[in-house]
Amino acid sequence: STWAASAKRFSWRHPEWVLGLVAAGGWVIVFVVHPGHTHEPVAGSWPALFRSWAAMVVAMMVPPALRMARYVAVNSRWRRRQRAAFLFAGSSLAVWLPAALAAAALAALPWVASNRRWLLGAALMLAAAWELSPYKRRALKACHRTIPLPPDGRKADKADIRLGLLYGRACFRACWSLMLPMVVAAHVSPLLMLALTAIAVAEEVVVKGYKLAPVAATLLVVAALMVLVLG
């Protein structure tokens, strides 16, 4: 049909849109399926707690990766564009899985639960300091590095996965501090999660995203002060 043909052409020209839907699914899981469950075991199940954190990683870390996923896809043959994008995104998210495991374990600790306000303020201050560090600047630059990408075949698959791992490691170095406040927040705040995701997206999509660091650091300090003063 004409509609199906148009949809197919759109998916070829914009191969990143499916990953955008995956990210949206992560937000739905966090706020609709398991609202508030990132800090409390779901029905006594630690695996469910981990699944909620994994969904948060997808929701927050896929949007910054859409630019690079599109780059990988459009450098592939038309028939494997979606495959290339998913190989890249899957391997980059795999870097975050150990962090999701650690976050799920840390968030459920009684000591964290009894000191969430101060820990959240400290985490936001730490994120602000990391924004202004040379390590963050180098990590953001690494997020824009690429490697030769064969257009087809097993070599293409391997290159997509390799670039995903390289990007995932660079993204982790750049964005770990933006995920940390979500570990210690008393409840998953849509506004906080959206603000942190927006900072990650802006810094990784803009070629010289490190120039946004002073603005991001200021916003994080203001958020920290609001948490510490207003409670």
C-alpha atoms as a PDB file:
ATOM      1  CA  SER A   1       0.000   0.000   0.000  1.00  0.00           C
ATOM      2  CA  THR A   2       0.980   3.623  -0.389  1.00  0.00           C
ATOM      3  CA  TRP A   3       0.992   4.120   3.392  1.00  0.00           C
ATOM      4  CA  ALA A   4       3.276   1.132   3.965  1.00  0.00           C
ATOM      5  CA  ALA A   5       5.653   2.293   1.239  1.00  0.00           C
ATOM      6  CA  SER A   6       5.775   5.784   2.746  1.00  0.00           C
ATOM      7  CA  ALA A   7       6.449   4.363   6.208  1.00  0.00           C
ATOM      8  CA  LYS A   8       9.253   2.206   4.825  1.00  0.00           C
ATOM      9  CA  ARG A   9      10.863   5.169   3.066  1.00  0.00           C
ATOM     10  CA  PHE A  10      10.594   7.209   6.255  1.00  0.00           C
ATOM     11  CA  SER A  11      12.278   4.469   8.297  1.00  0.00           C
ATOM     12  CA  TRP A  12      15.120   4.335   5.774  1.00  0.00           C
ATOM     13  CA  ARG A  13      15.601   8.093   5.753  1.00  0.00           C
ATOM     14  CA  HIS A  14      15.197   8.446   9.523  1.00  0.00           C
ATOM     15  CA  PRO A  15      16.532   5.160  10.916  1.00  0.00           C
ATOM     16  CA  GLU A  16      16.892   6.625  14.400  1.00  0.00           C
ATOM     17  CA  TRP A  17      13.134   7.045  14.936  1.00  0.00           C
ATOM     18  CA  VAL A  18      12.677   3.452  16.145  1.00  0.00           C
ATOM     19  CA  LEU A  19      15.315   4.031  18.822  1.00  0.00           C
ATOM     20  CA  GLY A  20      13.386   7.153  19.794  1.00  0.00           C
ATOM     21  CA  LEU A  21      10.361   4.927  20.406  1.00  0.00           C
ATOM     22  CA  VAL A  22      12.539   2.617  22.509  1.00  0.00           C
ATOM     23  CA  ALA A  23      13.582   5.590  24.651  1.00  0.00           C
ATOM     24  CA  ALA A  24       9.935   6.631  25.004  1.00  0.00           C
ATOM     25  CA  GLY A  25       9.166   3.084  26.144  1.00  0.00           C
ATOM     26  CA  GLY A  26      11.780   3.467  28.862  1.00  0.00           C
ATOM     27  CA  TRP A  27      10.034   6.587  30.150  1.00  0.00           C
ATOM     28  CA  VAL A  28       6.686   4.769  30.137  1.00  0.00           C
ATOM     29  CA  ILE A  29       8.127   1.887  32.168  1.00  0.00           C
ATOM     30  CA  VAL A  30       9.703   4.231  34.711  1.00  0.00           C
ATOM     31  CA  PHE A  31       6.674   6.462  35.262  1.00  0.00           C
ATOM     32  CA  VAL A  32       3.676   4.313  34.306  1.00  0.00           C
ATOM     33  CA  VAL A  33       4.504   0.627  34.704  1.00  0.00           C
ATOM     34  CA  HIS A  34       6.719   0.907  37.803  1.00  0.00           C
ATOM     35  CA  PRO A  35       6.272   4.453  39.141  1.00  0.00           C
ATOM     36  CA  GLY A  36       8.512   5.139  42.126  1.00  0.00           C
ATOM     37  CA  HIS A  37       9.952   1.634  42.086  1.00  0.00           C
ATOM     38  CA  THR A  38      13.554   2.557  41.431  1.00  0.00           C
ATOM     39  CA  HIS A  39      14.139   2.776  45.185  1.00  0.00           C
ATOM     40  CA  GLU A  40      11.802   0.148  46.554  1.00  0.00           C
ATOM     41  CA  PRO A  41      11.759  -3.541  45.603  1.00  0.00           C
ATOM     42  CA  VAL A  42       8.816  -4.341  43.324  1.00  0.00           C
ATOM     43  CA  ALA A  43       6.790  -7.081  44.983  1.00  0.00           C
ATOM     44  CA  GLY A  44       9.929  -8.079  46.913  1.00  0.00           C
ATOM     45  CA  SER A  45      11.808  -8.762  43.705  1.00  0.00           C
ATOM     46  CA  TRP A  46      15.320  -7.376  43.238  1.00  0.00           C
ATOM     47  CA  PRO A  47      15.289  -8.341  39.515  1.00  0.00           C
ATOM     48  CA  ALA A  48      12.255  -6.089  39.093  1.00  0.00           C
ATOM     49  CA  LEU A  49      14.167  -3.292  40.821  1.00  0.00           C
ATOM     50  CA  PHE A  50      16.997  -3.794  38.342  1.00  0.00           C
ATOM     51  CA  ARG A  51      14.561  -3.789  35.405  1.00  0.00           C
ATOM     52  CA  SER A  52      13.261  -0.406  36.528  1.00  0.00           C
ATOM     53  CA  TRP A  53      16.798   0.974  36.642  1.00  0.00           C
ATOM     54  CA  ALA A  54      17.614  -0.543  33.270  1.00  0.00           C
ATOM     55  CA  ALA A  55      14.533   1.212  31.882  1.00  0.00           C
ATOM     56  CA  MET A  56      15.796   4.486  33.336  1.00  0.00           C
ATOM     57  CA  VAL A  57      19.159   4.008  31.632  1.00  0.00           C
ATOM     58  CA  VAL A  58      17.376   3.445  28.315  1.00  0.00           C
ATOM     59  CA  ALA A  59      15.142   6.481  28.859  1.00  0.00           C
ATOM     60  CA  MET A  60      18.025   8.807  29.715  1.00  0.00           C
ATOM     61  CA  MET A  61      20.906   7.484  27.602  1.00  0.00           C
ATOM     62  CA  VAL A  62      19.261   6.585  24.273  1.00  0.00           C
ATOM     63  CA  PRO A  63      18.223  10.183  23.415  1.00  0.00           C
ATOM     64  CA  PRO A  64      21.831  11.486  23.528  1.00  0.00           C
ATOM     65  CA  ALA A  65      22.883   8.569  21.312  1.00  0.00           C
ATOM     66  CA  LEU A  66      20.339   9.241  18.541  1.00  0.00           C
ATOM     67  CA  ARG A  67      22.687  11.563  16.663  1.00  0.00           C
ATOM     68  CA  MET A  68      25.445   8.978  16.491  1.00  0.00           C
ATOM     69  CA  ALA A  69      22.966   6.163  15.790  1.00  0.00           C
ATOM     70  CA  ARG A  70      21.774   8.080  12.746  1.00  0.00           C
ATOM     71  CA  TYR A  71      25.368   8.585  11.618  1.00  0.00           C
ATOM     72  CA  VAL A  72      26.017   4.845  11.855  1.00  0.00           C
ATOM     73  CA  ALA A  73      22.809   3.995  10.029  1.00  0.00           C
ATOM     74  CA  VAL A  74      23.223   6.376   7.098  1.00  0.00           C
ATOM     75  CA  ASN A  75      26.733   5.043   6.545  1.00  0.00           C
ATOM     76  CA  SER A  76      25.236   1.587   5.939  1.00  0.00           C
ATOM     77  CA  ARG A  77      23.374   0.187   2.976  1.00  0.00           C
ATOM     78  CA  TRP A  78      19.706   1.045   2.920  1.00  0.00           C
ATOM     79  CA  ARG A  79      18.532  -2.486   3.718  1.00  0.00           C
ATOM     80  CA  ARG A  80      20.570  -2.687   6.952  1.00  0.00           C
ATOM     81  CA  ARG A  81      20.129   0.822   8.320  1.00  0.00           C
ATOM     82  CA  GLN A  82      17.878  -0.229  11.203  1.00  0.00           C
ATOM     83  CA  ARG A  83      20.170  -3.159  11.964  1.00  0.00           C
ATOM     84  CA  ALA A  84      23.201  -0.874  12.112  1.00  0.00           C
ATOM     85  CA  ALA A  85      21.442   1.577  14.433  1.00  0.00           C
ATOM     86  CA  PHE A  86      20.361  -1.185  16.819  1.00  0.00           C
ATOM     87  CA  LEU A  87      23.769  -2.858  16.866  1.00  0.00           C
ATOM     88  CA  PHE A  88      25.335   0.469  17.759  1.00  0.00           C
ATOM     89  CA  ALA A  89      22.734   1.382  20.379  1.00  0.00           C
ATOM     90  CA  GLY A  90      22.673  -2.084  21.937  1.00  0.00           C
ATOM     91  CA  SER A  91      26.425  -2.252  22.384  1.00  0.00           C
ATOM     92  CA  SER A  92      26.578   1.283  23.786  1.00  0.00           C
ATOM     93  CA  LEU A  93      23.832   0.510  26.329  1.00  0.00           C
ATOM     94  CA  ALA A  94      25.630  -2.691  27.332  1.00  0.00           C
ATOM     95  CA  VAL A  95      28.342  -0.496  28.845  1.00  0.00           C
ATOM     96  CA  TRP A  96      25.723   0.902  31.246  1.00  0.00           C
ATOM     97  CA  LEU A  97      24.401  -2.471  32.492  1.00  0.00           C
ATOM     98  CA  PRO A  98      26.967  -2.878  35.318  1.00  0.00           C
ATOM     99  CA  ALA A  99      26.154   0.683  36.395  1.00  0.00           C
ATOM    100  CA  ALA A 100      22.441  -0.167  36.446  1.00  0.00           C
ATOM    101  CA  LEU A 101      23.165  -3.188  38.643  1.00  0.00           C
ATOM    102  CA  ALA A 102      25.213  -1.078  41.044  1.00  0.00           C
ATOM    103  CA  ALA A 103      22.600   1.703  41.085  1.00  0.00           C
ATOM    104  CA  ALA A 104      19.781  -0.709  41.893  1.00  0.00           C
ATOM    105  CA  ALA A 105      21.778  -2.151  44.792  1.00  0.00           C
ATOM    106  CA  LEU A 106      22.899   1.230  46.124  1.00  0.00           C
ATOM    107  CA  ALA A 107      19.490   2.875  45.886  1.00  0.00           C
ATOM    108  CA  ALA A 108      17.916   0.225  48.114  1.00  0.00           C
ATOM    109  CA  LEU A 109      20.431   0.550  50.966  1.00  0.00           C
ATOM    110  CA  PRO A 110      18.844   1.708  54.270  1.00  0.00           C
ATOM    111  CA  TRP A 111      21.689   4.202  54.800  1.00  0.00           C
ATOM    112  CA  VAL A 112      20.872   5.870  51.498  1.00  0.00           C
ATOM    113  CA  ALA A 113      17.181   5.954  52.340  1.00  0.00           C
ATOM    114  CA  SER A 114      17.832   7.755  55.645  1.00  0.00           C
ATOM    115  CA  ASN A 115      20.099  10.400  54.099  1.00  0.00           C
ATOM    116  CA  ARG A 116      18.501  10.986  50.700  1.00  0.00           C
ATOM    117  CA  ARG A 117      18.137  14.770  50.986  1.00  0.00           C
ATOM    118  CA  TRP A 118      21.796  15.408  51.756  1.00  0.00           C
ATOM    119  CA  LEU A 119      23.011  12.768  49.335  1.00  0.00           C
ATOM    120  CA  LEU A 120      20.897  14.217  46.526  1.00  0.00           C
ATOM    121  CA  GLY A 121      22.244  17.706  47.186  1.00  0.00           C
ATOM    122  CA  ALA A 122      25.797  16.356  47.253  1.00  0.00           C
ATOM    123  CA  ALA A 123      25.225  14.353  44.052  1.00  0.00           C
ATOM    124  CA  LEU A 124      23.977  17.457  42.234  1.00  0.00           C
ATOM    125  CA  MET A 125      26.958  19.470  43.469  1.00  0.00           C
ATOM    126  CA  LEU A 126      29.300  16.705  42.330  1.00  0.00           C
ATOM    127  CA  ALA A 127      27.623  16.687  38.917  1.00  0.00           C
ATOM    128  CA  ALA A 128      28.144  20.452  38.680  1.00  0.00           C
ATOM    129  CA  ALA A 129      31.826  20.090  39.538  1.00  0.00           C
ATOM    130  CA  TRP A 130      32.241  17.317  36.951  1.00  0.00           C
ATOM    131  CA  GLU A 131      30.672  19.558  34.309  1.00  0.00           C
ATOM    132  CA  LEU A 132      33.545  22.027  34.730  1.00  0.00           C
ATOM    133  CA  SER A 133      36.319  19.427  34.857  1.00  0.00           C
ATOM    134  CA  PRO A 134      38.723  18.767  31.958  1.00  0.00           C
ATOM    135  CA  TYR A 135      37.804  15.073  32.187  1.00  0.00           C
ATOM    136  CA  LYS A 136      34.208  15.856  31.216  1.00  0.00           C
ATOM    137  CA  ARG A 137      35.428  17.965  28.310  1.00  0.00           C
ATOM    138  CA  ARG A 138      37.632  15.152  27.002  1.00  0.00           C
ATOM    139  CA  ALA A 139      34.808  12.629  27.401  1.00  0.00           C
ATOM    140  CA  LEU A 140      32.402  14.795  25.392  1.00  0.00           C
ATOM    141  CA  LYS A 141      34.968  15.135  22.626  1.00  0.00           C
ATOM    142  CA  ALA A 142      35.354  11.348  22.608  1.00  0.00           C
ATOM    143  CA  CYS A 143      31.585  11.019  22.125  1.00  0.00           C
ATOM    144  CA  HIS A 144      32.005  12.572  18.660  1.00  0.00           C
ATOM    145  CA  ARG A 145      34.817  10.332  17.479  1.00  0.00           C
ATOM    146  CA  THR A 146      34.086   7.768  14.806  1.00  0.00           C
ATOM    147  CA  ILE A 147      35.799   4.852  13.098  1.00  0.00           C
ATOM    148  CA  PRO A 148      35.634   3.593   9.493  1.00  0.00           C
ATOM    149  CA  LEU A 149      32.273   1.890   8.919  1.00  0.00           C
ATOM    150  CA  PRO A 150      31.995  -0.705   6.122  1.00  0.00           C
ATOM    151  CA  PRO A 151      28.597  -0.438   4.411  1.00  0.00           C
ATOM    152  CA  ASP A 152      27.638  -4.122   4.578  1.00  0.00           C
ATOM    153  CA  GLY A 153      28.534  -7.609   5.762  1.00  0.00           C
ATOM    154  CA  ARG A 154      30.051  -8.981   8.952  1.00  0.00           C
ATOM    155  CA  LYS A 155      32.729  -6.316   8.960  1.00  0.00           C
ATOM    156  CA  ALA A 156      29.985  -3.717   9.098  1.00  0.00           C
ATOM    157  CA  ASP A 157      28.308  -5.477  12.044  1.00  0.00           C
ATOM    158  CA  LYS A 158      31.602  -5.665  13.925  1.00  0.00           C
ATOM    159  CA  ALA A 159      32.362  -2.003  13.236  1.00  0.00           C
ATOM    160  CA  ASP A 160      28.891  -0.932  14.419  1.00  0.00           C
ATOM    161  CA  ILE A 161      29.339  -2.877  17.661  1.00  0.00           C
ATOM    162  CA  ARG A 162      32.866  -1.573  18.157  1.00  0.00           C
ATOM    163  CA  LEU A 163      31.782   2.030  17.671  1.00  0.00           C
ATOM    164  CA  GLY A 164      28.877   1.427  20.063  1.00  0.00           C
ATOM    165  CA  LEU A 165      31.266   0.205  22.745  1.00  0.00           C
ATOM    166  CA  LEU A 166      33.619   3.135  22.179  1.00  0.00           C
ATOM    167  CA  TYR A 167      30.732   5.599  22.311  1.00  0.00           C
ATOM    168  CA  GLY A 168      29.231   3.866  25.357  1.00  0.00           C
ATOM    169  CA  ARG A 169      32.472   4.178  27.308  1.00  0.00           C
ATOM    170  CA  ALA A 170      32.840   7.848  26.353  1.00  0.00           C
ATOM    171  CA  CYS A 171      29.190   8.499  27.201  1.00  0.00           C
ATOM    172  CA  PHE A 172      29.581   6.799  30.574  1.00  0.00           C
ATOM    173  CA  ARG A 173      32.572   8.995  31.425  1.00  0.00           C
ATOM    174  CA  ALA A 174      30.639  12.072  30.360  1.00  0.00           C
ATOM    175  CA  CYS A 175      27.255  11.266  31.917  1.00  0.00           C
ATOM    176  CA  TRP A 176      27.793   9.139  35.034  1.00  0.00           C
ATOM    177  CA  SER A 177      27.463  12.238  37.197  1.00  0.00           C
ATOM    178  CA  LEU A 178      24.083  13.038  35.619  1.00  0.00           C
ATOM    179  CA  MET A 179      22.801   9.567  36.513  1.00  0.00           C
ATOM    180  CA  LEU A 180      24.084   9.690  40.106  1.00  0.00           C
ATOM    181  CA  PRO A 181      21.368  12.079  41.422  1.00  0.00           C
ATOM    182  CA  MET A 182      18.717   9.632  40.227  1.00  0.00           C
ATOM    183  CA  VAL A 183      20.309   6.931  42.393  1.00  0.00           C
ATOM    184  CA  VAL A 184      19.744   8.850  45.613  1.00  0.00           C
ATOM    185  CA  ALA A 185      16.530  10.747  44.804  1.00  0.00           C
ATOM    186  CA  ALA A 186      13.738   9.792  47.197  1.00  0.00           C
ATOM    187  CA  HIS A 187      11.291   9.253  44.327  1.00  0.00           C
ATOM    188  CA  VAL A 188      11.763   9.398  40.599  1.00  0.00           C
ATOM    189  CA  SER A 189      11.037  13.027  39.753  1.00  0.00           C
ATOM    190  CA  PRO A 190       9.916  13.575  36.141  1.00  0.00           C
ATOM    191  CA  LEU A 191      11.238  17.149  36.258  1.00  0.00           C
ATOM    192  CA  LEU A 192      14.675  16.147  37.593  1.00  0.00           C
ATOM    193  CA  MET A 193      14.991  13.220  35.198  1.00  0.00           C
ATOM    194  CA  LEU A 194      13.924  15.387  32.255  1.00  0.00           C
ATOM    195  CA  ALA A 195      16.391  18.156  33.189  1.00  0.00           C
ATOM    196  CA  LEU A 196      19.308  15.736  33.522  1.00  0.00           C
ATOM    197  CA  THR A 197      18.412  14.048  30.227  1.00  0.00           C
ATOM    198  CA  ALA A 198      18.148  17.433  28.504  1.00  0.00           C
ATOM    199  CA  ILE A 199      21.661  18.348  29.683  1.00  0.00           C
ATOM    200  CA  ALA A 200      23.045  15.054  28.370  1.00  0.00           C
ATOM    201  CA  VAL A 201      21.292  15.458  25.019  1.00  0.00           C
ATOM    202  CA  ALA A 202      22.368  19.073  24.554  1.00  0.00           C
ATOM    203  CA  GLU A 203      26.002  18.364  25.391  1.00  0.00           C
ATOM    204  CA  GLU A 204      26.316  15.292  23.189  1.00  0.00           C
ATOM    205  CA  VAL A 205      24.323  16.520  20.194  1.00  0.00           C
ATOM    206  CA  VAL A 206      26.090  19.882  19.919  1.00  0.00           C
ATOM    207  CA  VAL A 207      29.508  19.450  18.310  1.00  0.00           C
ATOM    208  CA  LYS A 208      31.165  21.640  20.954  1.00  0.00           C
ATOM    209  CA  GLY A 209      28.859  20.606  23.769  1.00  0.00           C
ATOM    210  CA  TYR A 210      31.532  21.255  26.370  1.00  0.00           C
ATOM    211  CA  LYS A 211      30.842  24.973  25.893  1.00  0.00           C
ATOM    212  CA  LEU A 212      27.467  24.376  27.553  1.00  0.00           C
ATOM    213  CA  ALA A 213      29.180  23.209  30.741  1.00  0.00           C
ATOM    214  CA  PRO A 214      28.957  26.548  32.634  1.00  0.00           C
ATOM    215  CA  VAL A 215      25.201  26.734  32.034  1.00  0.00           C
ATOM    216  CA  ALA A 216      24.706  23.094  33.007  1.00  0.00           C
ATOM    217  CA  ALA A 217      26.831  23.504  36.141  1.00  0.00           C
ATOM    218  CA  THR A 218      24.830  26.579  37.178  1.00  0.00           C
ATOM    219  CA  LEU A 219      21.530  24.725  36.771  1.00  0.00           C
ATOM    220  CA  LEU A 220      22.836  21.798  38.803  1.00  0.00           C
ATOM    221  CA  VAL A 221      24.047  24.062  41.622  1.00  0.00           C
ATOM    222  CA  VAL A 222      20.673  25.812  41.737  1.00  0.00           C
ATOM    223  CA  ALA A 223      18.932  22.428  41.893  1.00  0.00           C
ATOM    224  CA  ALA A 224      21.265  21.327  44.708  1.00  0.00           C
ATOM    225  CA  LEU A 225      20.559  24.476  46.721  1.00  0.00           C
ATOM    226  CA  MET A 226      16.813  24.022  46.253  1.00  0.00           C
ATOM    227  CA  VAL A 227      17.058  20.450  47.538  1.00  0.00           C
ATOM    228  CA  LEU A 228      19.213  21.386  50.542  1.00  0.00           C
ATOM    229  CA  VAL A 229      17.350  24.577  51.500  1.00  0.00           C
ATOM    230  CA  LEU A 230      13.762  23.722  50.619  1.00  0.00           C
ATOM    231  CA  GLY A 231      14.023  20.029  51.403  1.00  0.00           C
END
